[in-house]
Protein backbone atom coordinates (compact mmCIF):
# COMPACT_ATOMS: atom_id res chain seq x y z
CA MET A 1 -5.82 22.03 -19.12
CA VAL A 2 -7.38 20.87 -15.11
CA LEU A 3 -10.47 18.79 -17.15
CA ASP A 4 -7.79 17.11 -18.86
CA THR A 5 -5.87 15.99 -16.24
CA ILE A 6 -8.68 14.55 -14.27
CA SER A 7 -10.20 12.72 -17.19
CA THR A 8 -6.43 11.18 -18.02
CA LEU A 9 -6.08 9.96 -14.26
CA PHE A 10 -9.92 8.98 -13.46
CA SER A 11 -11.69 8.51 -16.83
CA SER A 12 -14.67 6.43 -15.16
CA LEU A 13 -15.21 9.79 -13.54
CA GLY A 14 -14.13 12.56 -16.00
CA THR A 15 -17.18 14.65 -15.54
CA ALA A 16 -19.74 16.26 -13.08
CA ALA A 17 -22.62 13.62 -13.94
CA ASN A 18 -20.45 10.06 -13.96
CA THR A 19 -18.98 11.17 -10.42
CA ALA A 20 -22.67 11.33 -9.36
CA LYS A 21 -23.98 8.36 -10.73
CA ALA A 22 -20.59 6.65 -8.65
CA PHE A 23 -22.07 8.49 -5.41
CA LYS A 24 -25.11 7.46 -6.19
CA ASP A 25 -24.59 3.69 -6.83
CA LEU A 26 -22.27 3.81 -3.87
CA LEU A 27 -24.89 5.40 -1.69
CA GLN A 28 -27.50 2.60 -2.79
CA LYS A 29 -25.03 0.03 -1.40
CA ASN A 30 -24.18 1.14 1.61
CA LYS A 31 -26.48 2.09 5.17
CA GLY A 32 -25.52 3.80 8.49
CA GLU A 33 -22.34 5.96 9.20
CA VAL A 34 -20.60 4.73 5.72
CA ARG A 35 -23.66 6.08 4.11
CA LEU A 36 -23.46 9.36 5.82
CA LEU A 37 -20.12 9.82 4.86
CA LEU A 38 -20.77 9.29 1.63
CA GLU A 39 -23.24 11.96 1.17
CA GLU A 40 -21.18 14.34 2.77
CA LEU A 41 -18.14 13.27 0.34
CA LYS A 42 -20.71 13.54 -2.63
CA LYS A 43 -21.72 17.06 -1.70
CA ASN A 44 -18.05 18.36 -1.42
CA SER A 45 -17.68 16.66 -4.87
CA THR A 46 -20.58 18.46 -6.41
CA LEU A 47 -19.29 21.55 -5.14
CA SER A 48 -15.37 20.99 -6.19
CA TRP A 49 -16.79 20.44 -9.72
CA LEU A 50 -18.30 23.93 -9.51
CA VAL A 51 -14.74 25.17 -9.21
CA VAL A 52 -13.31 22.68 -11.54
CA GLU A 53 -15.41 23.61 -14.35
CA ARG A 54 -15.12 27.32 -13.68
CA GLU A 55 -18.48 27.89 -12.86
CA SER A 56 -17.78 29.19 -9.15
CA GLU A 57 -15.00 30.91 -7.66
CA PRO A 58 -13.62 28.66 -4.85
CA GLN A 59 -13.87 31.43 -2.24
CA ARG A 60 -17.82 31.38 -2.53
CA ILE A 61 -17.80 27.21 -2.46
CA ILE A 62 -14.57 26.58 0.40
CA PRO A 63 -16.90 27.83 3.14
CA GLN A 64 -19.94 25.08 1.86
CA LEU A 65 -17.44 22.48 2.21
CA SER A 66 -18.64 20.00 4.89
CA THR A 67 -16.80 18.08 7.69
CA LYS A 68 -19.88 17.92 9.84
CA ALA A 69 -20.33 13.89 9.21
CA TYR A 70 -16.63 13.44 9.42
CA ASP A 71 -16.03 15.10 12.55
CA ARG A 72 -19.05 13.18 14.13
CA LEU A 73 -17.77 10.01 13.14
CA LEU A 74 -14.00 10.77 13.97
CA GLU A 75 -15.46 11.92 17.49
CA GLU A 76 -17.36 8.73 17.50
CA GLY A 77 -13.91 6.78 16.72
CA PHE A 78 -15.43 5.12 13.59
CA ASN A 79 -13.16 3.51 11.69
CA PHE A 80 -12.79 4.60 8.18
CA ASN A 81 -10.94 1.75 6.69
CA ASP A 82 -15.10 0.22 6.93
CA LEU A 83 -15.47 2.49 4.06
CA SER A 84 -13.54 -0.36 1.75
CA PRO A 85 -13.75 -3.34 4.23
CA ARG A 86 -12.07 -6.03 1.76
CA LYS A 87 -9.98 -3.29 0.08
CA ARG A 88 -8.38 -1.26 3.27
CA LYS A 89 -5.08 -0.36 0.83
CA VAL A 90 -5.55 2.32 -1.78
CA MET A 91 -4.64 0.57 -4.85
CA GLY A 92 -3.62 2.85 -7.90
CA ASN A 93 -2.72 1.99 -12.05
CA SER A 94 -0.11 3.46 -14.14
CA ASN A 95 -1.99 6.65 -14.48
CA LEU A 96 -1.31 7.51 -10.40
CA GLU A 97 1.91 6.18 -9.92
CA ASP A 98 3.35 9.99 -11.12
CA SER A 99 0.69 12.07 -9.97
CA ASP A 100 0.57 14.14 -7.16
CA LEU A 101 -1.83 11.75 -5.90
CA SER A 102 0.46 8.68 -5.12
CA SER A 103 1.58 9.18 -1.91
CA PHE A 104 -1.77 7.80 -1.24
CA ILE A 105 -1.17 4.42 -3.28
CA GLY A 106 -0.31 1.26 -0.58
CA LYS A 107 -1.68 3.68 2.08
CA ASP A 108 -5.06 2.40 3.82
CA VAL A 109 -8.06 4.39 3.11
CA ALA A 110 -8.67 6.35 6.64
CA ASN A 111 -5.31 7.57 5.66
CA LEU A 112 -6.75 9.20 2.54
CA VAL A 113 -10.05 10.24 3.97
CA GLU A 114 -7.71 12.05 6.50
CA GLY A 115 -6.36 13.49 3.72
CA ILE A 116 -9.43 14.81 2.27
CA TYR A 117 -10.75 16.13 5.45
CA ASP A 118 -7.47 17.49 6.61
CA ARG A 119 -7.60 19.90 3.27
CA VAL A 120 -10.83 20.80 3.51
CA LYS A 121 -10.48 22.20 7.45
CA GLU A 122 -6.81 23.77 6.21
CA MET A 123 -8.63 25.90 3.04
CA GLN A 124 -11.51 27.03 5.21
CA LEU A 125 -9.32 28.24 7.93
CA VAL A 126 -6.67 29.87 5.57
CA LEU A 127 -9.41 31.71 3.80
CA GLN A 128 -10.69 32.52 6.92
CA VAL A 129 -7.65 33.99 8.36
CA ASP A 130 -6.69 35.17 5.22
CA PRO A 131 -9.24 35.77 2.24
CA ASP A 132 -7.53 38.20 -0.01
CA ASN A 133 -3.83 36.90 0.03
CA GLN A 134 -2.91 36.88 -3.32
CA HIS A 135 -0.06 34.18 -3.16
CA ILE A 136 -2.75 31.51 -2.84
CA ASP A 137 -4.05 30.02 -5.63
CA TRP A 138 -7.69 28.56 -4.36
CA ASN A 139 -8.56 26.86 -7.68
CA ARG A 140 -5.21 24.84 -7.60
CA ARG A 141 -6.30 23.78 -3.94
CA VAL A 142 -9.99 23.02 -4.42
CA ILE A 143 -9.12 20.86 -7.59
CA ASN A 144 -6.67 18.90 -5.60
CA LEU A 145 -9.17 18.32 -2.87
CA HIS A 146 -10.93 17.12 -5.78
CA LYS A 147 -8.75 14.63 -7.19
CA ARG A 148 -8.30 13.01 -3.65
CA ILE A 149 -12.14 12.89 -3.55
CA LEU A 150 -11.88 11.12 -7.09
CA LEU A 151 -9.57 9.03 -5.84
CA LEU A 152 -11.20 7.65 -2.82
CA MET A 153 -14.29 7.20 -5.46
CA PHE A 154 -12.08 5.42 -7.51
CA HIS A 155 -10.67 2.98 -5.11
CA LEU A 156 -14.40 2.53 -3.27
CA LYS A 157 -16.07 1.53 -6.56
CA GLY A 158 -12.63 -1.02 -7.47
CA TRP A 159 -11.38 0.46 -10.85
CA THR A 160 -8.16 0.50 -9.56
CA ASN A 161 -5.22 -2.53 -9.85
């Protein structure tokens, strides 16, 4: 079901292998701070795929998610819109209009990047404070993070309207 939803929203990125290839292509075209952030997002995407494909438990993956590059760049005043200098607004397509990602459509790339990293930090904090809370659907939280990362990748690759 989860893979079907992701495949529907992001047909070009519907597998871990396709996502890794898309990141590889972007990494080859970028340098410096942008490349550093893309490397971190690639790692987080790989970890998220482990949960999406039911290979690992989210509670084992969440502590491994990284925010180090983002935190450093944020502290230095990096403009996260520079990830996509010509396409600063996240564009959508008809598949995204009625999805939980629709709130990011029309907003700038920096807003989406902040949304990704806010989600990572929130999950890590909640897991650290209340790891045994049975009311938290950790799978759903990681899947939602993963969809945000895929939306960013989809946008950066220019696969939106």
